[in-house]
Amino acid sequence: AYYQSTRKLILKGVDGIVFVADSQEHRLQDNVRSFSDLRQFLTEMGKLFYDFPIVIQLNKRDLPQALPTEVLKQHLNGNNFPCFNAIATNAIGVFETLKEIIIRLGKQLTAH
């Protein structure tokens, strides 16, 4: 909630989004709330949420309290967006996520 107004301002100029979710169980509701806010903000801006270039990165997969990938995907995107497991501190999954958002942005640019 603290960053809501900042997020709205930042989203005005974006062409695509990498949503980085914390995989830890105690962060699930924060992730869900942030993703829901993202959907609302994009809709308010006149963007079609499911057509917007979004990639989800499930970070901190190495931690013992990380929820199963399928649980996180079910709560966040219902398999509507590409989703990558990551351990950012070891650069695992980071480049795959970046590559996917670049591909999606390229497709969007060539479609317009």
C-alpha atoms as a PDB file:
ATOM      1  CA  ALA A   1       0.000   0.000   0.000  1.00  0.00           C
ATOM      2  CA  TYR A   2       2.914   2.321   0.791  1.00  0.00           C
ATOM      3  CA  TYR A   3       4.111   2.306  -2.843  1.00  0.00           C
ATOM      4  CA  GLN A   4       0.715   2.402  -4.600  1.00  0.00           C
ATOM      5  CA  SER A   5       0.921   5.986  -5.831  1.00  0.00           C
ATOM      6  CA  THR A   6       4.528   5.492  -6.960  1.00  0.00           C
ATOM      7  CA  ARG A   7       3.604   2.346  -8.883  1.00  0.00           C
ATOM      8  CA  LYS A   8       0.816   4.161 -10.714  1.00  0.00           C
ATOM      9  CA  LEU A   9       3.202   6.908 -11.763  1.00  0.00           C
ATOM     10  CA  ILE A  10       5.855   4.464 -12.971  1.00  0.00           C
ATOM     11  CA  LEU A  11       3.350   2.364 -14.911  1.00  0.00           C
ATOM     12  CA  LYS A  12       2.338   5.313 -17.082  1.00  0.00           C
ATOM     13  CA  GLY A  13       5.496   4.987 -19.155  1.00  0.00           C
ATOM     14  CA  VAL A  14       6.055   1.234 -19.327  1.00  0.00           C
ATOM     15  CA  ASP A  15       5.830  -0.959 -22.396  1.00  0.00           C
ATOM     16  CA  GLY A  16       6.096  -4.244 -20.485  1.00  0.00           C
ATOM     17  CA  ILE A  17       6.405  -5.583 -16.966  1.00  0.00           C
ATOM     18  CA  VAL A  18       8.441  -8.189 -15.154  1.00  0.00           C
ATOM     19  CA  PHE A  19       6.498  -8.966 -11.996  1.00  0.00           C
ATOM     20  CA  VAL A  20       8.923 -10.371  -9.437  1.00  0.00           C
ATOM     21  CA  ALA A  21       7.148 -12.380  -6.755  1.00  0.00           C
ATOM     22  CA  ASP A  22       8.742 -13.460  -3.494  1.00  0.00           C
ATOM     23  CA  SER A  23       8.205 -17.237  -3.296  1.00  0.00           C
ATOM     24  CA  GLN A  24       8.145 -17.358   0.483  1.00  0.00           C
ATOM     25  CA  GLU A  25       4.863 -18.495   2.007  1.00  0.00           C
ATOM     26  CA  HIS A  26       4.537 -15.474   4.293  1.00  0.00           C
ATOM     27  CA  ARG A  27       4.684 -13.136   1.253  1.00  0.00           C
ATOM     28  CA  LEU A  28       1.885 -14.808  -0.707  1.00  0.00           C
ATOM     29  CA  GLN A  29      -0.830 -12.309   0.194  1.00  0.00           C
ATOM     30  CA  ASP A  30       1.499  -9.368  -0.527  1.00  0.00           C
ATOM     31  CA  ASN A  31       2.228 -10.869  -3.963  1.00  0.00           C
ATOM     32  CA  VAL A  32      -1.454 -11.436  -4.689  1.00  0.00           C
ATOM     33  CA  ARG A  33      -2.343  -7.901  -3.608  1.00  0.00           C
ATOM     34  CA  SER A  34       0.438  -6.371  -5.724  1.00  0.00           C
ATOM     35  CA  PHE A  35      -0.562  -8.396  -8.775  1.00  0.00           C
ATOM     36  CA  SER A  36      -4.194  -7.405  -8.316  1.00  0.00           C
ATOM     37  CA  ASP A  37      -3.137  -3.756  -8.011  1.00  0.00           C
ATOM     38  CA  LEU A  38      -1.138  -4.119 -11.217  1.00  0.00           C
ATOM     39  CA  ARG A  39      -4.210  -5.418 -13.037  1.00  0.00           C
ATOM     40  CA  GLN A  40      -6.312  -2.554 -11.690  1.00  0.00           C
ATOM     41  CA  PHE A  41      -3.738   0.118 -12.560  1.00  0.00           C
ATOM     42  CA  LEU A  42      -3.289  -1.146 -16.121  1.00  0.00           C
ATOM     43  CA  THR A  43      -7.045  -1.321 -16.595  1.00  0.00           C
ATOM     44  CA  GLU A  44      -7.438   2.242 -15.313  1.00  0.00           C
ATOM     45  CA  MET A  45      -4.827   3.300 -17.870  1.00  0.00           C
ATOM     46  CA  GLY A  46      -6.884   1.739 -20.667  1.00  0.00           C
ATOM     47  CA  LYS A  47      -4.526  -1.216 -21.191  1.00  0.00           C
ATOM     48  CA  LEU A  48      -5.796  -4.711 -21.899  1.00  0.00           C
ATOM     49  CA  PHE A  49      -4.304  -6.664 -19.011  1.00  0.00           C
ATOM     50  CA  TYR A  50      -4.041 -10.063 -20.699  1.00  0.00           C
ATOM     51  CA  ASP A  51      -2.641  -8.520 -23.901  1.00  0.00           C
ATOM     52  CA  PHE A  52      -0.009  -6.462 -22.079  1.00  0.00           C
ATOM     53  CA  PRO A  53       3.559  -7.865 -22.118  1.00  0.00           C
ATOM     54  CA  ILE A  54       3.938  -9.326 -18.632  1.00  0.00           C
ATOM     55  CA  VAL A  55       6.379 -11.960 -17.438  1.00  0.00           C
ATOM     56  CA  ILE A  56       6.329 -13.332 -13.909  1.00  0.00           C
ATOM     57  CA  GLN A  57       9.477 -14.255 -12.068  1.00  0.00           C
ATOM     58  CA  LEU A  58       9.134 -16.402  -8.950  1.00  0.00           C
ATOM     59  CA  ASN A  59      12.166 -15.409  -6.940  1.00  0.00           C
ATOM     60  CA  LYS A  60      13.837 -16.954  -3.876  1.00  0.00           C
ATOM     61  CA  ARG A  61      13.149 -20.501  -5.033  1.00  0.00           C
ATOM     62  CA  ASP A  62      16.117 -21.721  -2.998  1.00  0.00           C
ATOM     63  CA  LEU A  63      14.587 -20.862   0.375  1.00  0.00           C
ATOM     64  CA  PRO A  64      13.076 -23.650   2.472  1.00  0.00           C
ATOM     65  CA  GLN A  65       9.809 -21.753   2.982  1.00  0.00           C
ATOM     66  CA  ALA A  66       9.271 -21.241  -0.773  1.00  0.00           C
ATOM     67  CA  LEU A  67       5.820 -22.325  -1.903  1.00  0.00           C
ATOM     68  CA  PRO A  68       5.544 -24.807  -4.772  1.00  0.00           C
ATOM     69  CA  THR A  69       5.626 -23.172  -8.187  1.00  0.00           C
ATOM     70  CA  GLU A  70       2.136 -24.413  -9.069  1.00  0.00           C
ATOM     71  CA  VAL A  71       0.663 -22.819  -5.936  1.00  0.00           C
ATOM     72  CA  LEU A  72       2.207 -19.456  -6.782  1.00  0.00           C
ATOM     73  CA  LYS A  73       1.114 -19.655 -10.414  1.00  0.00           C
ATOM     74  CA  GLN A  74      -2.431 -20.514  -9.351  1.00  0.00           C
ATOM     75  CA  HIS A  75      -2.620 -17.483  -7.063  1.00  0.00           C
ATOM     76  CA  LEU A  76      -0.904 -15.047  -9.405  1.00  0.00           C
ATOM     77  CA  ASN A  77      -1.688 -15.753 -12.998  1.00  0.00           C
ATOM     78  CA  GLY A  78      -3.609 -18.934 -13.630  1.00  0.00           C
ATOM     79  CA  ASN A  79      -0.981 -19.751 -16.290  1.00  0.00           C
ATOM     80  CA  ASN A  80      -1.889 -16.719 -18.396  1.00  0.00           C
ATOM     81  CA  PHE A  81       1.624 -15.277 -18.448  1.00  0.00           C
ATOM     82  CA  PRO A  82       5.066 -16.807 -18.882  1.00  0.00           C
ATOM     83  CA  CYS A  83       6.499 -17.661 -15.496  1.00  0.00           C
ATOM     84  CA  PHE A  84      10.101 -18.381 -14.517  1.00  0.00           C
ATOM     85  CA  ASN A  85      11.617 -19.730 -11.334  1.00  0.00           C
ATOM     86  CA  ALA A  86      14.571 -17.694 -10.126  1.00  0.00           C
ATOM     87  CA  ILE A  87      17.267 -17.349  -7.546  1.00  0.00           C
ATOM     88  CA  ALA A  88      18.344 -13.806  -8.336  1.00  0.00           C
ATOM     89  CA  THR A  89      21.331 -13.830  -5.991  1.00  0.00           C
ATOM     90  CA  ASN A  90      22.822 -16.589  -8.169  1.00  0.00           C
ATOM     91  CA  ALA A  91      21.490 -15.179 -11.485  1.00  0.00           C
ATOM     92  CA  ILE A  92      19.382 -18.311 -11.954  1.00  0.00           C
ATOM     93  CA  GLY A  93      16.306 -17.587 -14.062  1.00  0.00           C
ATOM     94  CA  VAL A  94      17.143 -13.907 -14.430  1.00  0.00           C
ATOM     95  CA  PHE A  95      18.361 -13.985 -18.020  1.00  0.00           C
ATOM     96  CA  GLU A  96      15.541 -16.298 -19.096  1.00  0.00           C
ATOM     97  CA  THR A  97      13.036 -13.813 -17.677  1.00  0.00           C
ATOM     98  CA  LEU A  98      14.758 -10.896 -19.374  1.00  0.00           C
ATOM     99  CA  LYS A  99      14.887 -12.730 -22.697  1.00  0.00           C
ATOM    100  CA  GLU A 100      11.153 -13.481 -22.544  1.00  0.00           C
ATOM    101  CA  ILE A 101      10.113  -9.893 -21.808  1.00  0.00           C
ATOM    102  CA  ILE A 102      12.319  -8.666 -24.652  1.00  0.00           C
ATOM    103  CA  ILE A 103      10.663 -11.155 -27.035  1.00  0.00           C
ATOM    104  CA  ARG A 104       7.196 -10.048 -25.902  1.00  0.00           C
ATOM    105  CA  LEU A 105       8.079  -6.370 -26.256  1.00  0.00           C
ATOM    106  CA  GLY A 106       9.440  -7.012 -29.739  1.00  0.00           C
ATOM    107  CA  LYS A 107       6.220  -8.734 -30.771  1.00  0.00           C
ATOM    108  CA  GLN A 108       4.174  -5.853 -29.407  1.00  0.00           C
ATOM    109  CA  LEU A 109       6.254  -3.261 -31.261  1.00  0.00           C
ATOM    110  CA  THR A 110       6.070  -5.086 -34.564  1.00  0.00           C
ATOM    111  CA  ALA A 111       2.298  -5.519 -34.215  1.00  0.00           C
ATOM    112  CA  HIS A 112       1.788  -1.738 -34.055  1.00  0.00           C
END
